[in-house]
Amino acid sequence: MPRKSFSELINSPGMPVLVDFYADWCGPCKTMAPILQQIAAQHEGKLRVIKIDVDKNQAVAQQFRVQSIPTLILFHKGQPVWRQAGVVPAAQINQTVGAYL
């Protein structure tokens, strides 16, 4: 399967996309990983969760002004509709995402 560009990923038709900007060396990012896996499993087929390594994708991180990690950005129809830096509890993510499902 060919790699899709970031804009193709966030323009997923009819499905919101939650992007996790992270780095392998980031402790709080490791805390977010199981939370995001749980969110992805709960909303399978209705929400797409993707991880973007800021060290390998610096241009995308700069484009969305990601200054601290982890940063979560929820895209709906290609537009950012919510963003939060730091560790976010699953309940808060579910509440936010629920408005777009």
PDB file of N, CA and C in Angstrom:
ATOM      1  N   MET A   1       0.852  -1.180   0.000  1.00  0.00           N
ATOM      2  CA  MET A   1       0.000   0.000   0.000  1.00  0.00           C
ATOM      3  C   MET A   1       0.895   1.240   0.000  1.00  0.00           C
ATOM      4  N   PRO A   2       0.688   2.156  -0.942  1.00  0.00           N
ATOM      5  CA  PRO A   2       1.535   3.347  -0.978  1.00  0.00           C
ATOM      6  C   PRO A   2       1.262   4.245   0.224  1.00  0.00           C
ATOM      7  N   ARG A   3       2.292   4.947   0.647  1.00  0.00           N
ATOM      8  CA  ARG A   3       2.128   5.875   1.776  1.00  0.00           C
ATOM      9  C   ARG A   3       1.287   7.053   1.341  1.00  0.00           C
ATOM     10  N   LYS A   4       0.377   7.446   2.202  1.00  0.00           N
ATOM     11  CA  LYS A   4      -0.465   8.598   1.899  1.00  0.00           C
ATOM     12  C   LYS A   4       0.170   9.849   2.481  1.00  0.00           C
ATOM     13  N   SER A   5      -0.124  10.978   1.856  1.00  0.00           N
ATOM     14  CA  SER A   5       0.363  12.235   2.407  1.00  0.00           C
ATOM     15  C   SER A   5      -0.466  12.576   3.643  1.00  0.00           C
ATOM     16  N   PHE A   6       0.052  13.486   4.451  1.00  0.00           N
ATOM     17  CA  PHE A   6      -0.658  13.863   5.670  1.00  0.00           C
ATOM     18  C   PHE A   6      -2.025  14.444   5.332  1.00  0.00           C
ATOM     19  N   SER A   7      -2.095  15.282   4.293  1.00  0.00           N
ATOM     20  CA  SER A   7      -3.388  15.883   3.936  1.00  0.00           C
ATOM     21  C   SER A   7      -4.389  14.823   3.482  1.00  0.00           C
ATOM     22  N   GLU A   8      -3.907  13.764   2.821  1.00  0.00           N
ATOM     23  CA  GLU A   8      -4.815  12.670   2.443  1.00  0.00           C
ATOM     24  C   GLU A   8      -5.332  11.947   3.688  1.00  0.00           C
ATOM     25  N   LEU A   9      -4.466  11.772   4.675  1.00  0.00           N
ATOM     26  CA  LEU A   9      -4.861  11.078   5.899  1.00  0.00           C
ATOM     27  C   LEU A   9      -5.921  11.855   6.673  1.00  0.00           C
ATOM     28  N   ILE A  10      -5.746  13.174   6.796  1.00  0.00           N
ATOM     29  CA  ILE A  10      -6.690  13.951   7.608  1.00  0.00           C
ATOM     30  C   ILE A  10      -7.974  14.291   6.864  1.00  0.00           C
ATOM     31  N   ASN A  11      -7.996  14.078   5.553  1.00  0.00           N
ATOM     32  CA  ASN A  11      -9.213  14.335   4.789  1.00  0.00           C
ATOM     33  C   ASN A  11     -10.025  13.064   4.589  1.00  0.00           C
ATOM     34  N   SER A  12      -9.967  12.187   5.569  1.00  0.00           N
ATOM     35  CA  SER A  12     -10.709  10.932   5.517  1.00  0.00           C
ATOM     36  C   SER A  12     -12.203  11.245   5.418  1.00  0.00           C
ATOM     37  N   PRO A  13     -12.864  10.888   4.317  1.00  0.00           N
ATOM     38  CA  PRO A  13     -14.264  11.276   4.143  1.00  0.00           C
ATOM     39  C   PRO A  13     -15.181  10.611   5.165  1.00  0.00           C
ATOM     40  N   GLY A  14     -15.983  11.455   5.806  1.00  0.00           N
ATOM     41  CA  GLY A  14     -16.987  10.944   6.729  1.00  0.00           C
ATOM     42  C   GLY A  14     -16.450  10.398   8.035  1.00  0.00           C
ATOM     43  N   MET A  15     -15.135  10.511   8.261  1.00  0.00           N
ATOM     44  CA  MET A  15     -14.566   9.951   9.481  1.00  0.00           C
ATOM     45  C   MET A  15     -13.582  10.953  10.087  1.00  0.00           C
ATOM     46  N   PRO A  16     -13.806  11.356  11.345  1.00  0.00           N
ATOM     47  CA  PRO A  16     -12.822  12.238  11.975  1.00  0.00           C
ATOM     48  C   PRO A  16     -11.492  11.503  12.180  1.00  0.00           C
ATOM     49  N   VAL A  17     -10.421  12.278  12.227  1.00  0.00           N
ATOM     50  CA  VAL A  17      -9.079  11.720  12.370  1.00  0.00           C
ATOM     51  C   VAL A  17      -8.414  12.367  13.579  1.00  0.00           C
ATOM     52  N   LEU A  18      -7.999  11.537  14.534  1.00  0.00           N
ATOM     53  CA  LEU A  18      -7.280  12.013  15.716  1.00  0.00           C
ATOM     54  C   LEU A  18      -5.793  11.764  15.493  1.00  0.00           C
ATOM     55  N   VAL A  19      -5.018  12.849  15.500  1.00  0.00           N
ATOM     56  CA  VAL A  19      -3.587  12.743  15.241  1.00  0.00           C
ATOM     57  C   VAL A  19      -2.825  12.955  16.545  1.00  0.00           C
ATOM     58  N   ASP A  20      -1.938  12.026  16.835  1.00  0.00           N
ATOM     59  CA  ASP A  20      -1.072  12.096  18.006  1.00  0.00           C
ATOM     60  C   ASP A  20       0.327  12.474  17.531  1.00  0.00           C
ATOM     61  N   PHE A  21       0.751  13.704  17.840  1.00  0.00           N
ATOM     62  CA  PHE A  21       2.117  14.123  17.542  1.00  0.00           C
ATOM     63  C   PHE A  21       2.968  13.708  18.737  1.00  0.00           C
ATOM     64  N   TYR A  22       3.963  12.852  18.492  1.00  0.00           N
ATOM     65  CA  TYR A  22       4.736  12.258  19.580  1.00  0.00           C
ATOM     66  C   TYR A  22       6.199  12.111  19.170  1.00  0.00           C
ATOM     67  N   ALA A  23       7.012  11.648  20.132  1.00  0.00           N
ATOM     68  CA  ALA A  23       8.398  11.250  19.853  1.00  0.00           C
ATOM     69  C   ALA A  23       8.701  10.027  20.710  1.00  0.00           C
ATOM     70  N   ASP A  24       9.576   9.171  20.212  1.00  0.00           N
ATOM     71  CA  ASP A  24       9.917   7.935  20.928  1.00  0.00           C
ATOM     72  C   ASP A  24      10.542   8.201  22.294  1.00  0.00           C
ATOM     73  N   TRP A  25      11.248   9.325  22.434  1.00  0.00           N
ATOM     74  CA  TRP A  25      11.965   9.623  23.675  1.00  0.00           C
ATOM     75  C   TRP A  25      11.094  10.325  24.716  1.00  0.00           C
ATOM     76  N   CYS A  26       9.851  10.605  24.383  1.00  0.00           N
ATOM     77  CA  CYS A  26       8.965  11.418  25.223  1.00  0.00           C
ATOM     78  C   CYS A  26       8.188  10.546  26.214  1.00  0.00           C
ATOM     79  N   GLY A  27       8.430  10.763  27.514  1.00  0.00           N
ATOM     80  CA  GLY A  27       7.751   9.987  28.553  1.00  0.00           C
ATOM     81  C   GLY A  27       6.237  10.120  28.531  1.00  0.00           C
ATOM     82  N   PRO A  28       5.686  11.364  28.535  1.00  0.00           N
ATOM     83  CA  PRO A  28       4.227  11.521  28.483  1.00  0.00           C
ATOM     84  C   PRO A  28       3.605  10.901  27.225  1.00  0.00           C
ATOM     85  N   CYS A  29       4.374  10.874  26.126  1.00  0.00           N
ATOM     86  CA  CYS A  29       3.876  10.251  24.887  1.00  0.00           C
ATOM     87  C   CYS A  29       3.653   8.752  25.111  1.00  0.00           C
ATOM     88  N   LYS A  30       4.575   8.136  25.873  1.00  0.00           N
ATOM     89  CA  LYS A  30       4.431   6.705  26.176  1.00  0.00           C
ATOM     90  C   LYS A  30       3.201   6.466  27.046  1.00  0.00           C
ATOM     91  N   THR A  31       2.873   7.435  27.915  1.00  0.00           N
ATOM     92  CA  THR A  31       1.675   7.338  28.746  1.00  0.00           C
ATOM     93  C   THR A  31       0.416   7.391  27.875  1.00  0.00           C
ATOM     94  N   MET A  32       0.458   8.195  26.811  1.00  0.00           N
ATOM     95  CA  MET A  32      -0.708   8.360  25.928  1.00  0.00           C
ATOM     96  C   MET A  32      -0.960   7.144  25.048  1.00  0.00           C
ATOM     97  N   ALA A  33       0.085   6.380  24.729  1.00  0.00           N
ATOM     98  CA  ALA A  33      -0.042   5.281  23.762  1.00  0.00           C
ATOM     99  C   ALA A  33      -1.172   4.303  24.107  1.00  0.00           C
ATOM    100  N   PRO A  34      -1.243   3.746  25.330  1.00  0.00           N
ATOM    101  CA  PRO A  34      -2.340   2.805  25.616  1.00  0.00           C
ATOM    102  C   PRO A  34      -3.713   3.479  25.639  1.00  0.00           C
ATOM    103  N   ILE A  35      -3.746   4.755  26.025  1.00  0.00           N
ATOM    104  CA  ILE A  35      -5.023   5.495  26.022  1.00  0.00           C
ATOM    105  C   ILE A  35      -5.533   5.603  24.585  1.00  0.00           C
ATOM    106  N   LEU A  36      -4.628   5.938  23.670  1.00  0.00           N
ATOM    107  CA  LEU A  36      -5.030   6.082  22.263  1.00  0.00           C
ATOM    108  C   LEU A  36      -5.404   4.742  21.642  1.00  0.00           C
ATOM    109  N   GLN A  37      -4.728   3.667  22.053  1.00  0.00           N
ATOM    110  CA  GLN A  37      -5.104   2.338  21.562  1.00  0.00           C
ATOM    111  C   GLN A  37      -6.519   2.001  22.011  1.00  0.00           C
ATOM    112  N   GLN A  38      -6.841   2.352  23.248  1.00  0.00           N
ATOM    113  CA  GLN A  38      -8.184   2.108  23.781  1.00  0.00           C
ATOM    114  C   GLN A  38      -9.226   2.921  23.000  1.00  0.00           C
ATOM    115  N   ILE A  39      -8.926   4.194  22.732  1.00  0.00           N
ATOM    116  CA  ILE A  39      -9.836   5.066  21.974  1.00  0.00           C
ATOM    117  C   ILE A  39     -10.057   4.490  20.572  1.00  0.00           C
ATOM    118  N   ALA A  40      -8.968   4.080  19.929  1.00  0.00           N
ATOM    119  CA  ALA A  40      -9.058   3.527  18.573  1.00  0.00           C
ATOM    120  C   ALA A  40      -9.936   2.278  18.567  1.00  0.00           C
ATOM    121  N   ALA A  41      -9.765   1.414  19.566  1.00  0.00           N
ATOM    122  CA  ALA A  41     -10.562   0.179  19.641  1.00  0.00           C
ATOM    123  C   ALA A  41     -12.034   0.491  19.905  1.00  0.00           C
ATOM    124  N   GLN A  42     -12.301   1.458  20.776  1.00  0.00           N
ATOM    125  CA  GLN A  42     -13.689   1.812  21.114  1.00  0.00           C
ATOM    126  C   GLN A  42     -14.439   2.373  19.908  1.00  0.00           C
ATOM    127  N   HIS A  43     -13.724   3.091  19.054  1.00  0.00           N
ATOM    128  CA  HIS A  43     -14.379   3.793  17.937  1.00  0.00           C
ATOM    129  C   HIS A  43     -13.960   3.223  16.579  1.00  0.00           C
ATOM    130  N   GLU A  44     -13.603   1.948  16.568  1.00  0.00           N
ATOM    131  CA  GLU A  44     -13.144   1.314  15.336  1.00  0.00           C
ATOM    132  C   GLU A  44     -14.202   1.464  14.245  1.00  0.00           C
ATOM    133  N   GLY A  45     -13.752   1.894  13.064  1.00  0.00           N
ATOM    134  CA  GLY A  45     -14.672   2.078  11.945  1.00  0.00           C
ATOM    135  C   GLY A  45     -15.362   3.434  11.936  1.00  0.00           C
ATOM    136  N   LYS A  46     -15.227   4.211  13.033  1.00  0.00           N
ATOM    137  CA  LYS A  46     -15.866   5.533  13.113  1.00  0.00           C
ATOM    138  C   LYS A  46     -14.858   6.655  13.302  1.00  0.00           C
ATOM    139  N   LEU A  47     -13.663   6.288  13.784  1.00  0.00           N
ATOM    140  CA  LEU A  47     -12.619   7.267  14.060  1.00  0.00           C
ATOM    141  C   LEU A  47     -11.288   6.668  13.635  1.00  0.00           C
ATOM    142  N   ARG A  48     -10.476   7.497  12.999  1.00  0.00           N
ATOM    143  CA  ARG A  48      -9.140   7.047  12.621  1.00  0.00           C
ATOM    144  C   ARG A  48      -8.139   7.699  13.571  1.00  0.00           C
ATOM    145  N   VAL A  49      -7.262   6.914  14.160  1.00  0.00           N
ATOM    146  CA  VAL A  49      -6.222   7.428  15.052  1.00  0.00           C
ATOM    147  C   VAL A  49      -4.876   7.171  14.384  1.00  0.00           C
ATOM    148  N   ILE A  50      -4.118   8.251  14.173  1.00  0.00           N
ATOM    149  CA  ILE A  50      -2.795   8.094  13.571  1.00  0.00           C
ATOM    150  C   ILE A  50      -1.748   8.769  14.447  1.00  0.00           C
ATOM    151  N   LYS A  51      -0.537   8.230  14.398  1.00  0.00           N
ATOM    152  CA  LYS A  51       0.569   8.764  15.180  1.00  0.00           C
ATOM    153  C   LYS A  51       1.583   9.382  14.219  1.00  0.00           C
ATOM    154  N   ILE A  52       2.029  10.591  14.554  1.00  0.00           N
ATOM    155  CA  ILE A  52       3.020  11.282  13.740  1.00  0.00           C
ATOM    156  C   ILE A  52       4.247  11.543  14.617  1.00  0.00           C
ATOM    157  N   ASP A  53       5.381  10.945  14.249  1.00  0.00           N
ATOM    158  CA  ASP A  53       6.638  11.146  14.970  1.00  0.00           C
ATOM    159  C   ASP A  53       7.198  12.510  14.562  1.00  0.00           C
ATOM    160  N   VAL A  54       7.260  13.445  15.523  1.00  0.00           N
ATOM    161  CA  VAL A  54       7.695  14.808  15.195  1.00  0.00           C
ATOM    162  C   VAL A  54       9.155  14.866  14.748  1.00  0.00           C
ATOM    163  N   ASP A  55       9.965  13.900  15.187  1.00  0.00           N
ATOM    164  CA  ASP A  55      11.366  13.887  14.760  1.00  0.00           C
ATOM    165  C   ASP A  55      11.498  13.493  13.292  1.00  0.00           C
ATOM    166  N   LYS A  56      10.589  12.650  12.808  1.00  0.00           N
ATOM    167  CA  LYS A  56      10.644  12.186  11.418  1.00  0.00           C
ATOM    168  C   LYS A  56       9.762  13.019  10.491  1.00  0.00           C
ATOM    169  N   ASN A  57       8.866  13.811  11.068  1.00  0.00           N
ATOM    170  CA  ASN A  57       7.910  14.606  10.268  1.00  0.00           C
ATOM    171  C   ASN A  57       7.893  16.047  10.770  1.00  0.00           C
ATOM    172  N   GLN A  58       9.058  16.677  10.759  1.00  0.00           N
ATOM    173  CA  GLN A  58       9.178  18.022  11.317  1.00  0.00           C
ATOM    174  C   GLN A  58       8.350  19.054  10.560  1.00  0.00           C
ATOM    175  N   ALA A  59       8.232  18.896   9.248  1.00  0.00           N
ATOM    176  CA  ALA A  59       7.472  19.875   8.456  1.00  0.00           C
ATOM    177  C   ALA A  59       5.998  19.884   8.861  1.00  0.00           C
ATOM    178  N   VAL A  60       5.437  18.702   9.075  1.00  0.00           N
ATOM    179  CA  VAL A  60       4.026  18.613   9.483  1.00  0.00           C
ATOM    180  C   VAL A  60       3.850  19.182  10.886  1.00  0.00           C
ATOM    181  N   ALA A  61       4.774  18.864  11.778  1.00  0.00           N
ATOM    182  CA  ALA A  61       4.707  19.398  13.142  1.00  0.00           C
ATOM    183  C   ALA A  61       4.781  20.927  13.122  1.00  0.00           C
ATOM    184  N   GLN A  62       5.642  21.481  12.281  1.00  0.00           N
ATOM    185  CA  GLN A  62       5.753  22.942  12.175  1.00  0.00           C
ATOM    186  C   GLN A  62       4.501  23.548  11.556  1.00  0.00           C
ATOM    187  N   GLN A  63       3.941  22.869  10.552  1.00  0.00           N
ATOM    188  CA  GLN A  63       2.739  23.364   9.885  1.00  0.00           C
ATOM    189  C   GLN A  63       1.593  23.563  10.886  1.00  0.00           C
ATOM    190  N   PHE A  64       1.488  22.662  11.853  1.00  0.00           N
ATOM    191  CA  PHE A  64       0.405  22.745  12.841  1.00  0.00           C
ATOM    192  C   PHE A  64       0.889  23.319  14.172  1.00  0.00           C
ATOM    193  N   ARG A  65       2.071  23.949  14.141  1.00  0.00           N
ATOM    194  CA  ARG A  65       2.631  24.647  15.299  1.00  0.00           C
ATOM    195  C   ARG A  65       2.644  23.777  16.561  1.00  0.00           C
ATOM    196  N   VAL A  66       3.095  22.562  16.395  1.00  0.00           N
ATOM    197  CA  VAL A  66       3.224  21.658  17.535  1.00  0.00           C
ATOM    198  C   VAL A  66       4.502  22.044  18.270  1.00  0.00           C
ATOM    199  N   GLN A  67       4.339  22.575  19.486  1.00  0.00           N
ATOM    200  CA  GLN A  67       5.494  23.054  20.245  1.00  0.00           C
ATOM    201  C   GLN A  67       5.815  22.164  21.432  1.00  0.00           C
ATOM    202  N   SER A  68       4.840  21.399  21.896  1.00  0.00           N
ATOM    203  CA  SER A  68       5.107  20.454  22.974  1.00  0.00           C
ATOM    204  C   SER A  68       4.439  19.137  22.619  1.00  0.00           C
ATOM    205  N   ILE A  69       4.995  18.066  23.138  1.00  0.00           N
ATOM    206  CA  ILE A  69       4.431  16.754  22.838  1.00  0.00           C
ATOM    207  C   ILE A  69       4.164  16.017  24.135  1.00  0.00           C
ATOM    208  N   PRO A  70       3.192  15.152  24.168  1.00  0.00           N
ATOM    209  CA  PRO A  70       2.294  14.857  23.042  1.00  0.00           C
ATOM    210  C   PRO A  70       1.313  16.000  22.793  1.00  0.00           C
ATOM    211  N   THR A  71       0.957  16.182  21.529  1.00  0.00           N
ATOM    212  CA  THR A  71      -0.128  17.080  21.145  1.00  0.00           C
ATOM    213  C   THR A  71      -1.111  16.260  20.333  1.00  0.00           C
ATOM    214  N   LEU A  72      -2.370  16.324  20.724  1.00  0.00           N
ATOM    215  CA  LEU A  72      -3.437  15.660  19.980  1.00  0.00           C
ATOM    216  C   LEU A  72      -4.195  16.715  19.204  1.00  0.00           C
ATOM    217  N   ILE A  73      -4.467  16.424  17.939  1.00  0.00           N
ATOM    218  CA  ILE A  73      -5.300  17.313  17.122  1.00  0.00           C
ATOM    219  C   ILE A  73      -6.368  16.445  16.462  1.00  0.00           C
ATOM    220  N   LEU A  74      -7.615  16.857  16.623  1.00  0.00           N
ATOM    221  CA  LEU A  74      -8.732  16.163  15.989  1.00  0.00           C
ATOM    222  C   LEU A  74      -9.100  16.920  14.723  1.00  0.00           C
ATOM    223  N   PHE A  75      -9.089  16.209  13.602  1.00  0.00           N
ATOM    224  CA  PHE A  75      -9.461  16.791  12.314  1.00  0.00           C
ATOM    225  C   PHE A  75     -10.821  16.250  11.903  1.00  0.00           C
ATOM    226  N   HIS A  76     -11.675  17.159  11.448  1.00  0.00           N
ATOM    227  CA  HIS A  76     -12.993  16.774  10.935  1.00  0.00           C
ATOM    228  C   HIS A  76     -13.115  17.400   9.555  1.00  0.00           C
ATOM    229  N   LYS A  77     -13.276  16.561   8.534  1.00  0.00           N
ATOM    230  CA  LYS A  77     -13.332  17.022   7.137  1.00  0.00           C
ATOM    231  C   LYS A  77     -12.097  17.848   6.780  1.00  0.00           C
ATOM    232  N   GLY A  78     -10.940  17.405   7.299  1.00  0.00           N
ATOM    233  CA  GLY A  78      -9.677  18.040   6.956  1.00  0.00           C
ATOM    234  C   GLY A  78      -9.331  19.271   7.772  1.00  0.00           C
ATOM    235  N   GLN A  79     -10.226  19.709   8.651  1.00  0.00           N
ATOM    236  CA  GLN A  79      -9.989  20.918   9.442  1.00  0.00           C
ATOM    237  C   GLN A  79      -9.728  20.565  10.905  1.00  0.00           C
ATOM    238  N   PRO A  80      -8.768  21.231  11.548  1.00  0.00           N
ATOM    239  CA  PRO A  80      -8.553  20.978  12.976  1.00  0.00           C
ATOM    240  C   PRO A  80      -9.719  21.563  13.778  1.00  0.00           C
ATOM    241  N   VAL A  81     -10.351  20.729  14.590  1.00  0.00           N
ATOM    242  CA  VAL A  81     -11.510  21.181  15.372  1.00  0.00           C
ATOM    243  C   VAL A  81     -11.237  21.155  16.875  1.00  0.00           C
ATOM    244  N   TRP A  82     -10.132  20.517  17.267  1.00  0.00           N
ATOM    245  CA  TRP A  82      -9.769  20.435  18.690  1.00  0.00           C
ATOM    246  C   TRP A  82      -8.306  20.093  18.787  1.00  0.00           C
ATOM    247  N   ARG A  83      -7.643  20.675  19.764  1.00  0.00           N
ATOM    248  CA  ARG A  83      -6.250  20.301  20.018  1.00  0.00           C
ATOM    249  C   ARG A  83      -5.968  20.418  21.496  1.00  0.00           C
ATOM    250  N   GLN A  84      -5.082  19.537  21.961  1.00  0.00           N
ATOM    251  CA  GLN A  84      -4.731  19.512  23.377  1.00  0.00           C
ATOM    252  C   GLN A  84      -3.304  18.999  23.502  1.00  0.00           C
ATOM    253  N   ALA A  85      -2.501  19.695  24.266  1.00  0.00           N
ATOM    254  CA  ALA A  85      -1.135  19.237  24.528  1.00  0.00           C
ATOM    255  C   ALA A  85      -1.093  18.547  25.886  1.00  0.00           C
ATOM    256  N   GLY A  86      -0.176  17.605  26.017  1.00  0.00           N
ATOM    257  CA  GLY A  86      -0.018  16.894  27.274  1.00  0.00           C
ATOM    258  C   GLY A  86      -0.835  15.615  27.304  1.00  0.00           C
ATOM    259  N   VAL A  87      -0.787  14.946  28.446  1.00  0.00           N
ATOM    260  CA  VAL A  87      -1.528  13.693  28.614  1.00  0.00           C
ATOM    261  C   VAL A  87      -3.004  14.037  28.815  1.00  0.00           C
ATOM    262  N   VAL A  88      -3.859  13.422  28.004  1.00  0.00           N
ATOM    263  CA  VAL A  88      -5.297  13.691  28.051  1.00  0.00           C
ATOM    264  C   VAL A  88      -6.019  12.415  28.476  1.00  0.00           C
ATOM    265  N   PRO A  89      -6.872  12.481  29.497  1.00  0.00           N
ATOM    266  CA  PRO A  89      -7.594  11.277  29.924  1.00  0.00           C
ATOM    267  C   PRO A  89      -8.533  10.772  28.829  1.00  0.00           C
ATOM    268  N   ALA A  90      -8.709   9.452  28.784  1.00  0.00           N
ATOM    269  CA  ALA A  90      -9.573   8.828  27.779  1.00  0.00           C
ATOM    270  C   ALA A  90     -10.976   9.422  27.803  1.00  0.00           C
ATOM    271  N   ALA A  91     -11.508   9.701  28.989  1.00  0.00           N
ATOM    272  CA  ALA A  91     -12.873  10.239  29.097  1.00  0.00           C
ATOM    273  C   ALA A  91     -13.001  11.581  28.373  1.00  0.00           C
ATOM    274  N   GLN A  92     -11.978  12.423  28.506  1.00  0.00           N
ATOM    275  CA  GLN A  92     -12.011  13.729  27.833  1.00  0.00           C
ATOM    276  C   GLN A  92     -11.946  13.557  26.315  1.00  0.00           C
ATOM    277  N   ILE A  93     -11.100  12.650  25.854  1.00  0.00           N
ATOM    278  CA  ILE A  93     -10.992  12.401  24.411  1.00  0.00           C
ATOM    279  C   ILE A  93     -12.321  11.864  23.888  1.00  0.00           C
ATOM    280  N   ASN A  94     -12.898  10.903  24.593  1.00  0.00           N
ATOM    281  CA  ASN A  94     -14.183  10.331  24.162  1.00  0.00           C
ATOM    282  C   ASN A  94     -15.264  11.392  24.069  1.00  0.00           C
ATOM    283  N   GLN A  95     -15.312  12.277  25.059  1.00  0.00           N
ATOM    284  CA  GLN A  95     -16.323  13.334  25.055  1.00  0.00           C
ATOM    285  C   GLN A  95     -16.131  14.258  23.855  1.00  0.00           C
ATOM    286  N   THR A  96     -14.899  14.633  23.582  1.00  0.00           N
ATOM    287  CA  THR A  96     -14.594  15.516  22.461  1.00  0.00           C
ATOM    288  C   THR A  96     -14.887  14.846  21.123  1.00  0.00           C
ATOM    289  N   VAL A  97     -14.390  13.629  20.974  1.00  0.00           N
ATOM    290  CA  VAL A  97     -14.555  12.883  19.724  1.00  0.00           C
ATOM    291  C   VAL A  97     -16.030  12.573  19.457  1.00  0.00           C
ATOM    292  N   GLY A  98     -16.763  12.303  20.519  1.00  0.00           N
ATOM    293  CA  GLY A  98     -18.183  11.940  20.390  1.00  0.00           C
ATOM    294  C   GLY A  98     -19.001  12.964  19.624  1.00  0.00           C
ATOM    295  N   ALA A  99     -18.629  14.225  19.726  1.00  0.00           N
ATOM    296  CA  ALA A  99     -19.371  15.286  19.031  1.00  0.00           C
ATOM    297  C   ALA A  99     -19.225  15.201  17.519  1.00  0.00           C
ATOM    298  N   TYR A 100     -18.215  14.471  17.037  1.00  0.00           N
ATOM    299  CA  TYR A 100     -17.941  14.400  15.588  1.00  0.00           C
ATOM    300  C   TYR A 100     -18.209  13.047  14.988  1.00  0.00           C
ATOM    301  N   LEU A 101     -18.665  12.101  15.794  1.00  0.00           N
ATOM    302  CA  LEU A 101     -18.917  10.740  15.272  1.00  0.00           C
ATOM    303  C   LEU A 101     -20.316  10.635  14.696  1.00  0.00           C
TER     304      LEU A 101
END
